[in-house]
Amino acid sequence: MLHLINLPITDAFYYLSLNQEIPLQPTLPIRKIKFYGPNENATIIGDIGYITIRGNHERSLENQLGKLIKSKIKHNQRPDYQSLKDNFDKVIIATGDARTTKKLDQWQHTDVSVKIIGATIEGKFEPTTVKMWLNHNLAPQGYAYLLPFGHKLASLAIATLHDTVNFKELWNNLLEELNFEFKIKDTFQIDHYEIGRPKTNEFNNTYLIGQAGGFIMPFLGFGQFSSIESGILVKKAITEDKNYDILTKNLKNDYQNSYKLRKIIGGMSNKQYDKLVKSLNNKTVKKMFLQRKINITKLIGWLSSPFTWLT
C-alpha cells in the first residue's frame, strides 16, 4: 500500500484509525523500493508506504477487521441473494470478486483480466525493502514484485494479463533475476482476476462495495484502501440516506485515472521501461515521490505525451 496511490490521504492507516475509528495495523513499513528495468535500476528511500498481509493469517487485514465486528460472523455460508433482498432492509455485497455482480446483471465491463503466479520463499531479506520489476521478459504488460514478511519470508510474484501463454518461461526468468539464495516454501496462482466496473453501485436495496463494486485500481491492482473506503461510504449512504453512487464519485475518478496509467505503462516498450526507471534516480522525481505531491492528472499527461523523454 503506497502512500502516493491514496492521495490526497497521505497515510491510509493513520486516516482510518483517527478519522474512521478503524484501528488497523500494517505488517511492515516500506522504507525502500528497488525498481528494476531490463537494464536500468533505481532506489527510492523514505516513508513510502506499508506492507500488508491478506487471507487467513492472524495479522491479515481480514482478521483484523473481523475482530472489530461485534456481531456474530457466520462462516461457510451460501446466502441466497433473493432471500436476503426480500427479508432485509439493506443488502451489501462484498464478495471480493465480480461473480455475484455478474449474476445480478449489474457488471458493466471488465477492463483488465489478470493472472498472478507466485510463491512464498525463504531466505534473508531486508524487511522494509520492496523490489519491483518492469520488464516484458518477466511480466508482459504487468510487473513482478518481491514483498518481505520479515527477515526470513517473502512473497515473490508475477502479475500480468491472463492470456499470457508462457508463464513457466516468465517464472524461470524471474527466478534467474534473484541474486541471493532462497528456497520456495509454497506456490500460489490466481486466474482471471477481473478488474472492472459495475453499471451502478446501488440498485433496489442493494449496495456493491470492494471488488464487487469495481473499486480495485487497475494500475497496480491496489484496492485495499479504496475497498475499505467504499464500505465507509456505504455506511454513510445508509445512515444518512444519501446516494451511494454520488458518494463514490471520487473513487470512480481514481479508478479512471488508474486505468489510464495502466494502459500507458503497459503499452511501454522495454526501452521505455528503462527510461522510466532511470528517471526515478532524478533528485526532483524522488522528492516528488516522497513528498506525495504527484498530481495524477499531470502525470498521465506527461507520460502519454509523444514528445516526452519516453519516445
C-alpha atoms as a PDB file:
ATOM      1  CA  MET A   1       0.000   0.000   0.000  1.00  0.00           C
ATOM      2  CA  LEU A   2       1.886   3.057  -1.296  1.00  0.00           C
ATOM      3  CA  HIS A   3       1.141   6.465   0.196  1.00  0.00           C
ATOM      4  CA  LEU A   4       1.081   8.221  -3.183  1.00  0.00           C
ATOM      5  CA  ILE A   5      -1.601   5.844  -4.529  1.00  0.00           C
ATOM      6  CA  ASN A   6      -4.160   7.104  -1.988  1.00  0.00           C
ATOM      7  CA  LEU A   7      -3.585  10.860  -2.327  1.00  0.00           C
ATOM      8  CA  PRO A   8      -4.804  13.289  -1.055  1.00  0.00           C
ATOM      9  CA  ILE A   9      -4.854  10.980   2.001  1.00  0.00           C
ATOM     10  CA  THR A  10      -1.150  10.676   2.813  1.00  0.00           C
ATOM     11  CA  ASP A  11      -1.309   7.806   5.332  1.00  0.00           C
ATOM     12  CA  ALA A  12      -4.205   5.368   4.965  1.00  0.00           C
ATOM     13  CA  PHE A  13      -3.756   3.617   8.314  1.00  0.00           C
ATOM     14  CA  TYR A  14      -3.474   6.894  10.219  1.00  0.00           C
ATOM     15  CA  TYR A  15      -6.590   8.174   8.459  1.00  0.00           C
ATOM     16  CA  LEU A  16      -8.609   5.018   9.151  1.00  0.00           C
ATOM     17  CA  SER A  17      -7.634   4.976  12.809  1.00  0.00           C
ATOM     18  CA  LEU A  18      -8.022   8.689  13.548  1.00  0.00           C
ATOM     19  CA  ASN A  19     -10.896   9.684  11.257  1.00  0.00           C
ATOM     20  CA  GLN A  20     -12.919   6.485  10.953  1.00  0.00           C
ATOM     21  CA  GLU A  21     -12.143   4.655  14.229  1.00  0.00           C
ATOM     22  CA  ILE A  22     -10.891   1.602  12.330  1.00  0.00           C
ATOM     23  CA  PRO A  23      -7.585   0.798  14.077  1.00  0.00           C
ATOM     24  CA  LEU A  24      -5.855  -1.492  11.584  1.00  0.00           C
ATOM     25  CA  GLN A  25      -2.154  -2.306  11.719  1.00  0.00           C
ATOM     26  CA  PRO A  26       0.126  -2.884   8.714  1.00  0.00           C
ATOM     27  CA  THR A  27       2.590  -5.756   8.746  1.00  0.00           C
ATOM     28  CA  LEU A  28       5.669  -3.647   7.993  1.00  0.00           C
ATOM     29  CA  PRO A  29       6.513  -0.147   6.778  1.00  0.00           C
ATOM     30  CA  ILE A  30       8.072   0.270   3.337  1.00  0.00           C
ATOM     31  CA  ARG A  31      11.285   2.276   3.704  1.00  0.00           C
ATOM     32  CA  LYS A  32      12.891   1.384   0.387  1.00  0.00           C
ATOM     33  CA  ILE A  33      11.743   0.368  -3.098  1.00  0.00           C
ATOM     34  CA  LYS A  34      14.193  -1.022  -5.638  1.00  0.00           C
ATOM     35  CA  PHE A  35      12.948  -0.699  -9.215  1.00  0.00           C
ATOM     36  CA  TYR A  36      14.436  -2.845 -11.966  1.00  0.00           C
ATOM     37  CA  GLY A  37      14.050  -2.273 -15.694  1.00  0.00           C
ATOM     38  CA  PRO A  38      15.617  -4.580 -18.282  1.00  0.00           C
ATOM     39  CA  ASN A  39      18.960  -2.760 -17.892  1.00  0.00           C
ATOM     40  CA  GLU A  40      18.443   0.145 -15.510  1.00  0.00           C
ATOM     41  CA  ASN A  41      17.649   0.237 -11.793  1.00  0.00           C
ATOM     42  CA  ALA A  42      16.682   2.843  -9.225  1.00  0.00           C
ATOM     43  CA  THR A  43      16.226   3.001  -5.476  1.00  0.00           C
ATOM     44  CA  ILE A  44      13.912   5.271  -3.523  1.00  0.00           C
ATOM     45  CA  ILE A  45      14.376   5.537   0.256  1.00  0.00           C
ATOM     46  CA  GLY A  46      11.950   7.147   2.687  1.00  0.00           C
ATOM     47  CA  ASP A  47       8.492   6.853   4.204  1.00  0.00           C
ATOM     48  CA  ILE A  48       6.905   5.160   1.180  1.00  0.00           C
ATOM     49  CA  GLY A  49       4.009   3.031   2.404  1.00  0.00           C
ATOM     50  CA  TYR A  50       3.112  -0.251   4.069  1.00  0.00           C
ATOM     51  CA  ILE A  51       3.248  -3.989   3.509  1.00  0.00           C
ATOM     52  CA  THR A  52       0.062  -5.819   4.493  1.00  0.00           C
ATOM     53  CA  ILE A  53      -0.944  -9.466   4.737  1.00  0.00           C
ATOM     54  CA  ARG A  54      -4.173 -10.848   3.300  1.00  0.00           C
ATOM     55  CA  GLY A  55      -6.094 -14.092   3.808  1.00  0.00           C
ATOM     56  CA  ASN A  56      -6.193 -16.359   6.851  1.00  0.00           C
ATOM     57  CA  HIS A  57      -3.024 -15.125   8.524  1.00  0.00           C
ATOM     58  CA  GLU A  58      -3.503 -13.862  12.072  1.00  0.00           C
ATOM     59  CA  ARG A  59      -2.241 -10.381  11.127  1.00  0.00           C
ATOM     60  CA  SER A  60      -4.195 -10.146   7.856  1.00  0.00           C
ATOM     61  CA  LEU A  61      -6.468  -7.168   7.260  1.00  0.00           C
ATOM     62  CA  GLU A  62      -9.445  -9.550   7.024  1.00  0.00           C
ATOM     63  CA  ASN A  63      -8.805 -10.952  10.501  1.00  0.00           C
ATOM     64  CA  GLN A  64      -8.183  -7.506  11.959  1.00  0.00           C
ATOM     65  CA  LEU A  65     -11.471  -6.229  10.527  1.00  0.00           C
ATOM     66  CA  GLY A  66     -13.269  -9.356  11.746  1.00  0.00           C
ATOM     67  CA  LYS A  67     -12.136  -8.725  15.313  1.00  0.00           C
ATOM     68  CA  LEU A  68     -13.633  -5.218  15.172  1.00  0.00           C
ATOM     69  CA  ILE A  69     -17.107  -6.559  14.328  1.00  0.00           C
ATOM     70  CA  LYS A  70     -19.312  -7.116  17.373  1.00  0.00           C
ATOM     71  CA  SER A  71     -21.975  -9.091  15.519  1.00  0.00           C
ATOM     72  CA  LYS A  72     -21.627 -12.838  15.016  1.00  0.00           C
ATOM     73  CA  ILE A  73     -19.961 -13.782  11.738  1.00  0.00           C
ATOM     74  CA  LYS A  74     -21.415 -16.851  10.026  1.00  0.00           C
ATOM     75  CA  HIS A  75     -18.693 -18.619   8.073  1.00  0.00           C
ATOM     76  CA  ASN A  76     -19.047 -21.146   5.225  1.00  0.00           C
ATOM     77  CA  GLN A  77     -22.478 -19.889   4.201  1.00  0.00           C
ATOM     78  CA  ARG A  78     -24.082 -19.807   0.748  1.00  0.00           C
ATOM     79  CA  PRO A  79     -26.552 -16.933   1.121  1.00  0.00           C
ATOM     80  CA  ASP A  80     -29.344 -16.567  -1.409  1.00  0.00           C
ATOM     81  CA  TYR A  81     -29.479 -13.003  -2.698  1.00  0.00           C
ATOM     82  CA  GLN A  82     -33.212 -13.007  -3.414  1.00  0.00           C
ATOM     83  CA  SER A  83     -33.954 -14.186   0.115  1.00  0.00           C
ATOM     84  CA  LEU A  84     -31.681 -11.557   1.613  1.00  0.00           C
ATOM     85  CA  LYS A  85     -33.191  -8.817  -0.535  1.00  0.00           C
ATOM     86  CA  ASP A  86     -36.728  -9.772   0.464  1.00  0.00           C
ATOM     87  CA  ASN A  87     -36.039 -10.196   4.183  1.00  0.00           C
ATOM     88  CA  PHE A  88     -33.667  -7.359   4.982  1.00  0.00           C
ATOM     89  CA  ASP A  89     -33.909  -3.593   4.566  1.00  0.00           C
ATOM     90  CA  LYS A  90     -30.432  -3.346   3.021  1.00  0.00           C
ATOM     91  CA  VAL A  91     -28.069  -5.823   1.381  1.00  0.00           C
ATOM     92  CA  ILE A  92     -24.338  -5.139   0.973  1.00  0.00           C
ATOM     93  CA  ILE A  93     -22.442  -7.335  -1.486  1.00  0.00           C
ATOM     94  CA  ALA A  94     -18.759  -7.600  -0.586  1.00  0.00           C
ATOM     95  CA  THR A  95     -17.731 -10.903  -2.137  1.00  0.00           C
ATOM     96  CA  GLY A  96     -14.240  -9.833  -3.242  1.00  0.00           C
ATOM     97  CA  ASP A  97     -14.884 -10.593  -6.926  1.00  0.00           C
ATOM     98  CA  ALA A  98     -17.245  -9.790  -9.780  1.00  0.00           C
ATOM     99  CA  ARG A  99     -19.134 -13.098  -9.940  1.00  0.00           C
ATOM    100  CA  THR A 100     -22.184 -12.114  -7.882  1.00  0.00           C
ATOM    101  CA  THR A 101     -22.358  -8.715  -9.585  1.00  0.00           C
ATOM    102  CA  LYS A 102     -22.381 -10.527 -12.926  1.00  0.00           C
ATOM    103  CA  LYS A 103     -25.102 -12.948 -11.804  1.00  0.00           C
ATOM    104  CA  LEU A 104     -27.270  -9.974 -10.887  1.00  0.00           C
ATOM    105  CA  ASP A 105     -26.621  -8.474 -14.354  1.00  0.00           C
ATOM    106  CA  GLN A 106     -25.007  -5.403 -12.800  1.00  0.00           C
ATOM    107  CA  TRP A 107     -21.475  -5.793 -14.210  1.00  0.00           C
ATOM    108  CA  GLN A 108     -20.761  -3.280 -16.966  1.00  0.00           C
ATOM    109  CA  HIS A 109     -17.290  -4.126 -18.235  1.00  0.00           C
ATOM    110  CA  THR A 110     -14.056  -5.921 -17.362  1.00  0.00           C
ATOM    111  CA  ASP A 111     -11.177  -3.573 -18.179  1.00  0.00           C
ATOM    112  CA  VAL A 112      -8.352  -5.906 -17.174  1.00  0.00           C
ATOM    113  CA  SER A 113      -8.242  -9.635 -16.503  1.00  0.00           C
ATOM    114  CA  VAL A 114      -5.110 -10.552 -14.600  1.00  0.00           C
ATOM    115  CA  LYS A 115      -3.293 -13.759 -13.804  1.00  0.00           C
ATOM    116  CA  ILE A 116      -0.981 -13.864 -10.799  1.00  0.00           C
ATOM    117  CA  ILE A 117       1.530 -16.622 -10.156  1.00  0.00           C
ATOM    118  CA  GLY A 118       3.846 -16.573  -7.195  1.00  0.00           C
ATOM    119  CA  ALA A 119       5.475 -18.252  -4.255  1.00  0.00           C
ATOM    120  CA  THR A 120       6.340 -17.766  -0.631  1.00  0.00           C
ATOM    121  CA  ILE A 121      10.110 -18.001  -0.460  1.00  0.00           C
ATOM    122  CA  GLU A 122      12.535 -18.482   2.414  1.00  0.00           C
ATOM    123  CA  GLY A 123      15.802 -16.570   2.539  1.00  0.00           C
ATOM    124  CA  LYS A 124      17.394 -13.488   4.073  1.00  0.00           C
ATOM    125  CA  PHE A 125      15.503 -10.270   3.371  1.00  0.00           C
ATOM    126  CA  GLU A 126      15.509  -6.606   4.296  1.00  0.00           C
ATOM    127  CA  PRO A 127      12.054  -6.481   5.964  1.00  0.00           C
ATOM    128  CA  THR A 128      11.227  -2.939   4.858  1.00  0.00           C
ATOM    129  CA  THR A 129      12.555  -3.211   1.273  1.00  0.00           C
ATOM    130  CA  VAL A 130      10.271  -3.979  -1.682  1.00  0.00           C
ATOM    131  CA  LYS A 131      11.559  -4.957  -5.119  1.00  0.00           C
ATOM    132  CA  MET A 132       9.652  -4.342  -8.357  1.00  0.00           C
ATOM    133  CA  TRP A 133      10.466  -5.340 -11.943  1.00  0.00           C
ATOM    134  CA  LEU A 134       9.157  -3.618 -15.078  1.00  0.00           C
ATOM    135  CA  ASN A 135      10.293  -5.890 -17.902  1.00  0.00           C
ATOM    136  CA  HIS A 136       8.319  -7.593 -20.676  1.00  0.00           C
ATOM    137  CA  ASN A 137      10.673 -10.576 -20.410  1.00  0.00           C
ATOM    138  CA  LEU A 138       9.381 -11.139 -16.876  1.00  0.00           C
ATOM    139  CA  ALA A 139       5.851  -9.726 -16.890  1.00  0.00           C
ATOM    140  CA  PRO A 140       4.420  -8.553 -20.242  1.00  0.00           C
ATOM    141  CA  GLN A 141       2.135  -5.539 -19.674  1.00  0.00           C
ATOM    142  CA  GLY A 142       2.416  -6.140 -15.947  1.00  0.00           C
ATOM    143  CA  TYR A 143       5.024  -6.292 -13.236  1.00  0.00           C
ATOM    144  CA  ALA A 144       6.837  -8.628 -10.867  1.00  0.00           C
ATOM    145  CA  TYR A 145       7.473  -7.948  -7.207  1.00  0.00           C
ATOM    146  CA  LEU A 146       9.050  -9.192  -4.004  1.00  0.00           C
ATOM    147  CA  LEU A 147       7.344  -8.300  -0.701  1.00  0.00           C
ATOM    148  CA  PRO A 148       9.058  -9.380   2.530  1.00  0.00           C
ATOM    149  CA  PHE A 149       7.010 -10.522   5.538  1.00  0.00           C
ATOM    150  CA  GLY A 150      10.030 -10.325   7.814  1.00  0.00           C
ATOM    151  CA  HIS A 151      13.703 -11.258   7.790  1.00  0.00           C
ATOM    152  CA  LYS A 152      13.144 -14.833   6.580  1.00  0.00           C
ATOM    153  CA  LEU A 153       9.960 -14.934   4.448  1.00  0.00           C
ATOM    154  CA  ALA A 154       8.815 -13.047   1.362  1.00  0.00           C
ATOM    155  CA  SER A 155       6.220 -13.209  -1.387  1.00  0.00           C
ATOM    156  CA  LEU A 156       7.530 -13.320  -4.960  1.00  0.00           C
ATOM    157  CA  ALA A 157       5.009 -12.944  -7.788  1.00  0.00           C
ATOM    158  CA  ILE A 158       4.272 -12.034 -11.385  1.00  0.00           C
ATOM    159  CA  ALA A 159       1.084 -10.149 -12.255  1.00  0.00           C
ATOM    160  CA  THR A 160       0.248  -9.880 -15.938  1.00  0.00           C
ATOM    161  CA  LEU A 161      -2.591 -10.352 -18.425  1.00  0.00           C
ATOM    162  CA  HIS A 162      -4.416 -13.681 -18.006  1.00  0.00           C
ATOM    163  CA  ASP A 163      -3.996 -14.699 -21.649  1.00  0.00           C
ATOM    164  CA  THR A 164      -0.188 -14.632 -21.450  1.00  0.00           C
ATOM    165  CA  VAL A 165       0.820 -18.144 -22.513  1.00  0.00           C
ATOM    166  CA  ASN A 166       4.464 -18.533 -21.481  1.00  0.00           C
ATOM    167  CA  PHE A 167       4.116 -18.311 -17.690  1.00  0.00           C
ATOM    168  CA  LYS A 168       6.616 -21.086 -16.999  1.00  0.00           C
ATOM    169  CA  GLU A 169       9.255 -19.270 -19.036  1.00  0.00           C
ATOM    170  CA  LEU A 170       8.460 -15.951 -17.342  1.00  0.00           C
ATOM    171  CA  TRP A 171       8.678 -17.539 -13.898  1.00  0.00           C
ATOM    172  CA  ASN A 172      12.056 -19.101 -14.678  1.00  0.00           C
ATOM    173  CA  ASN A 173      13.279 -15.746 -15.981  1.00  0.00           C
ATOM    174  CA  LEU A 174      12.239 -14.075 -12.728  1.00  0.00           C
ATOM    175  CA  LEU A 175      13.968 -16.696 -10.580  1.00  0.00           C
ATOM    176  CA  GLU A 176      17.175 -16.111 -12.545  1.00  0.00           C
ATOM    177  CA  GLU A 177      16.940 -12.404 -11.651  1.00  0.00           C
ATOM    178  CA  LEU A 178      17.267 -13.163  -7.932  1.00  0.00           C
ATOM    179  CA  ASN A 179      20.898 -12.763  -6.906  1.00  0.00           C
ATOM    180  CA  PHE A 180      20.566 -14.419  -3.494  1.00  0.00           C
ATOM    181  CA  GLU A 181      19.941 -17.870  -2.069  1.00  0.00           C
ATOM    182  CA  PHE A 182      16.327 -18.809  -1.467  1.00  0.00           C
ATOM    183  CA  LYS A 183      14.004 -21.782  -1.080  1.00  0.00           C
ATOM    184  CA  ILE A 184      10.431 -21.984  -2.370  1.00  0.00           C
ATOM    185  CA  LYS A 185       8.120 -22.799   0.548  1.00  0.00           C
ATOM    186  CA  ASP A 186       4.809 -22.897  -1.334  1.00  0.00           C
ATOM    187  CA  THR A 187       3.276 -21.580  -4.567  1.00  0.00           C
ATOM    188  CA  PHE A 188       0.007 -19.885  -5.497  1.00  0.00           C
ATOM    189  CA  GLN A 189      -1.894 -18.926  -8.620  1.00  0.00           C
ATOM    190  CA  ILE A 190      -4.862 -16.624  -9.269  1.00  0.00           C
ATOM    191  CA  ASP A 191      -6.571 -16.907 -12.658  1.00  0.00           C
ATOM    192  CA  HIS A 192      -8.844 -14.394 -14.350  1.00  0.00           C
ATOM    193  CA  TYR A 193      -8.784 -11.790 -11.588  1.00  0.00           C
ATOM    194  CA  GLU A 194     -11.189  -9.305 -13.127  1.00  0.00           C
ATOM    195  CA  ILE A 195     -10.761  -5.579 -12.632  1.00  0.00           C
ATOM    196  CA  GLY A 196     -13.665  -3.574 -13.976  1.00  0.00           C
ATOM    197  CA  ARG A 197     -16.822  -1.577 -13.298  1.00  0.00           C
ATOM    198  CA  PRO A 198     -20.465  -2.265 -12.459  1.00  0.00           C
ATOM    199  CA  LYS A 199     -23.375  -0.495 -14.125  1.00  0.00           C
ATOM    200  CA  THR A 200     -24.234   1.091 -10.781  1.00  0.00           C
ATOM    201  CA  ASN A 201     -23.157   0.635  -7.187  1.00  0.00           C
ATOM    202  CA  GLU A 202     -26.665   0.970  -5.784  1.00  0.00           C
ATOM    203  CA  PHE A 203     -29.823  -0.736  -7.011  1.00  0.00           C
ATOM    204  CA  ASN A 204     -33.065  -1.719  -5.277  1.00  0.00           C
ATOM    205  CA  ASN A 205     -31.993  -2.055  -1.633  1.00  0.00           C
ATOM    206  CA  THR A 206     -28.564  -3.378  -2.586  1.00  0.00           C
ATOM    207  CA  TYR A 207     -25.060  -1.881  -2.459  1.00  0.00           C
ATOM    208  CA  LEU A 208     -21.845  -3.092  -4.111  1.00  0.00           C
ATOM    209  CA  ILE A 209     -18.547  -2.472  -2.308  1.00  0.00           C
ATOM    210  CA  GLY A 210     -14.937  -3.530  -2.733  1.00  0.00           C
ATOM    211  CA  GLN A 211     -14.105  -5.608  -5.784  1.00  0.00           C
ATOM    212  CA  ALA A 212     -17.787  -6.456  -6.287  1.00  0.00           C
ATOM    213  CA  GLY A 213     -18.322  -2.714  -6.751  1.00  0.00           C
ATOM    214  CA  GLY A 214     -15.362  -2.098  -9.039  1.00  0.00           C
ATOM    215  CA  PHE A 215     -13.080  -0.433  -6.506  1.00  0.00           C
ATOM    216  CA  ILE A 216      -9.844  -2.285  -7.312  1.00  0.00           C
ATOM    217  CA  MET A 217      -7.441   0.098  -9.033  1.00  0.00           C
ATOM    218  CA  PRO A 218      -6.237  -1.201 -12.447  1.00  0.00           C
ATOM    219  CA  PHE A 219      -2.745   0.350 -12.418  1.00  0.00           C
ATOM    220  CA  LEU A 220      -1.071  -1.973  -9.895  1.00  0.00           C
ATOM    221  CA  GLY A 221      -4.118  -3.903  -8.742  1.00  0.00           C
ATOM    222  CA  PHE A 222      -4.187  -1.990  -5.462  1.00  0.00           C
ATOM    223  CA  GLY A 223      -7.544  -1.726  -3.776  1.00  0.00           C
ATOM    224  CA  GLN A 224      -7.303  -2.397  -0.053  1.00  0.00           C
ATOM    225  CA  PHE A 225      -7.847   1.206   0.982  1.00  0.00           C
ATOM    226  CA  SER A 226     -10.379   2.021  -1.761  1.00  0.00           C
ATOM    227  CA  SER A 227     -12.370  -1.100  -0.851  1.00  0.00           C
ATOM    228  CA  ILE A 228     -12.438  -0.165   2.839  1.00  0.00           C
ATOM    229  CA  GLU A 229     -13.340   3.396   1.868  1.00  0.00           C
ATOM    230  CA  SER A 230     -16.269   2.099  -0.206  1.00  0.00           C
ATOM    231  CA  GLY A 231     -17.515   0.323   2.921  1.00  0.00           C
ATOM    232  CA  ILE A 232     -17.227   3.531   4.944  1.00  0.00           C
ATOM    233  CA  LEU A 233     -19.198   5.388   2.277  1.00  0.00           C
ATOM    234  CA  VAL A 234     -21.952   2.760   2.141  1.00  0.00           C
ATOM    235  CA  LYS A 235     -22.425   3.232   5.878  1.00  0.00           C
ATOM    236  CA  LYS A 236     -22.816   6.963   5.243  1.00  0.00           C
ATOM    237  CA  ALA A 237     -25.280   6.317   2.411  1.00  0.00           C
ATOM    238  CA  ILE A 238     -27.470   4.094   4.594  1.00  0.00           C
ATOM    239  CA  THR A 239     -27.349   6.004   7.883  1.00  0.00           C
ATOM    240  CA  GLU A 240     -27.709   9.436   6.307  1.00  0.00           C
ATOM    241  CA  ASP A 241     -29.983   8.398   3.416  1.00  0.00           C
ATOM    242  CA  LYS A 242     -27.579   9.627   0.732  1.00  0.00           C
ATOM    243  CA  ASN A 243     -26.953   8.476  -2.832  1.00  0.00           C
ATOM    244  CA  TYR A 244     -24.124   5.927  -2.783  1.00  0.00           C
ATOM    245  CA  ASP A 245     -23.224   6.429  -6.454  1.00  0.00           C
ATOM    246  CA  ILE A 246     -22.668  10.117  -5.781  1.00  0.00           C
ATOM    247  CA  LEU A 247     -20.673   9.451  -2.605  1.00  0.00           C
ATOM    248  CA  THR A 248     -18.287   7.165  -4.507  1.00  0.00           C
ATOM    249  CA  LYS A 249     -17.685   9.642  -7.341  1.00  0.00           C
ATOM    250  CA  ASN A 250     -14.099  10.383  -6.226  1.00  0.00           C
ATOM    251  CA  LEU A 251     -13.285   6.670  -6.005  1.00  0.00           C
ATOM    252  CA  LYS A 252     -14.618   6.208  -9.529  1.00  0.00           C
ATOM    253  CA  ASN A 253     -12.477   9.103 -10.769  1.00  0.00           C
ATOM    254  CA  ASP A 254      -9.475   7.456  -9.088  1.00  0.00           C
ATOM    255  CA  TYR A 255     -10.347   4.259 -10.945  1.00  0.00           C
ATOM    256  CA  GLN A 256     -10.409   6.006 -14.326  1.00  0.00           C
ATOM    257  CA  ASN A 257      -7.042   7.683 -13.688  1.00  0.00           C
ATOM    258  CA  SER A 258      -5.584   4.374 -12.547  1.00  0.00           C
ATOM    259  CA  TYR A 259      -6.861   2.660 -15.692  1.00  0.00           C
ATOM    260  CA  LYS A 260      -5.298   5.331 -17.897  1.00  0.00           C
ATOM    261  CA  LEU A 261      -1.973   4.885 -16.104  1.00  0.00           C
ATOM    262  CA  ARG A 262      -2.127   1.117 -16.552  1.00  0.00           C
ATOM    263  CA  LYS A 263      -2.699   1.468 -20.299  1.00  0.00           C
ATOM    264  CA  ILE A 264       0.207   3.901 -20.615  1.00  0.00           C
ATOM    265  CA  ILE A 265       2.677   1.882 -18.531  1.00  0.00           C
ATOM    266  CA  GLY A 266       1.537  -1.432 -20.017  1.00  0.00           C
ATOM    267  CA  GLY A 267       1.980  -0.043 -23.522  1.00  0.00           C
ATOM    268  CA  MET A 268       5.608   0.899 -22.989  1.00  0.00           C
ATOM    269  CA  SER A 269       8.467  -0.963 -24.598  1.00  0.00           C
ATOM    270  CA  ASN A 270      11.400  -2.351 -22.608  1.00  0.00           C
ATOM    271  CA  LYS A 271      13.438   0.629 -23.796  1.00  0.00           C
ATOM    272  CA  GLN A 272      10.828   2.971 -22.335  1.00  0.00           C
ATOM    273  CA  TYR A 273      10.749   0.956 -19.110  1.00  0.00           C
ATOM    274  CA  ASP A 274      14.481   1.591 -18.762  1.00  0.00           C
ATOM    275  CA  LYS A 275      13.980   5.307 -19.298  1.00  0.00           C
ATOM    276  CA  LEU A 276      11.149   5.364 -16.751  1.00  0.00           C
ATOM    277  CA  VAL A 277      13.217   3.511 -14.142  1.00  0.00           C
ATOM    278  CA  LYS A 278      16.260   5.678 -14.820  1.00  0.00           C
ATOM    279  CA  SER A 279      14.150   8.810 -14.263  1.00  0.00           C
ATOM    280  CA  LEU A 280      13.465   7.634 -10.708  1.00  0.00           C
ATOM    281  CA  ASN A 281      17.121   8.366  -9.890  1.00  0.00           C
ATOM    282  CA  ASN A 282      16.462  12.048 -10.558  1.00  0.00           C
ATOM    283  CA  LYS A 283      16.502  14.038  -7.293  1.00  0.00           C
ATOM    284  CA  THR A 284      13.429  16.071  -8.253  1.00  0.00           C
ATOM    285  CA  VAL A 285      11.425  12.946  -9.120  1.00  0.00           C
ATOM    286  CA  LYS A 286      12.467  11.291  -5.847  1.00  0.00           C
ATOM    287  CA  LYS A 287      11.459  14.389  -3.908  1.00  0.00           C
ATOM    288  CA  MET A 288       8.025  14.438  -5.555  1.00  0.00           C
ATOM    289  CA  PHE A 289       7.600  10.727  -4.839  1.00  0.00           C
ATOM    290  CA  LEU A 290       8.452  11.061  -1.155  1.00  0.00           C
ATOM    291  CA  GLN A 291       6.647  14.352  -0.532  1.00  0.00           C
ATOM    292  CA  ARG A 292       3.490  12.853  -2.036  1.00  0.00           C
ATOM    293  CA  LYS A 293       2.831  15.847  -4.269  1.00  0.00           C
ATOM    294  CA  ILE A 294       2.328  13.966  -7.512  1.00  0.00           C
ATOM    295  CA  ASN A 295      -0.630  15.271  -9.486  1.00  0.00           C
ATOM    296  CA  ILE A 296      -2.037  12.161 -11.166  1.00  0.00           C
ATOM    297  CA  THR A 297      -3.742  14.102 -13.971  1.00  0.00           C
ATOM    298  CA  LYS A 298      -0.491  15.883 -14.858  1.00  0.00           C
ATOM    299  CA  LEU A 299       1.438  12.612 -14.585  1.00  0.00           C
ATOM    300  CA  ILE A 300      -0.913  10.945 -17.082  1.00  0.00           C
ATOM    301  CA  GLY A 301      -0.470  13.838 -19.496  1.00  0.00           C
ATOM    302  CA  TRP A 302       3.312  13.773 -19.145  1.00  0.00           C
ATOM    303  CA  LEU A 303       3.617  10.032 -19.658  1.00  0.00           C
ATOM    304  CA  SER A 304       1.243   9.965 -22.620  1.00  0.00           C
ATOM    305  CA  SER A 305       2.811  12.887 -24.495  1.00  0.00           C
ATOM    306  CA  PRO A 306       4.578  11.708 -27.680  1.00  0.00           C
ATOM    307  CA  PHE A 307       7.154  14.489 -27.239  1.00  0.00           C
ATOM    308  CA  THR A 308       8.445  13.487 -23.807  1.00  0.00           C
ATOM    309  CA  TRP A 309      11.564  11.541 -22.889  1.00  0.00           C
ATOM    310  CA  LEU A 310       9.618   8.283 -23.432  1.00  0.00           C
ATOM    311  CA  THR A 311       9.898   8.380 -27.217  1.00  0.00           C
END
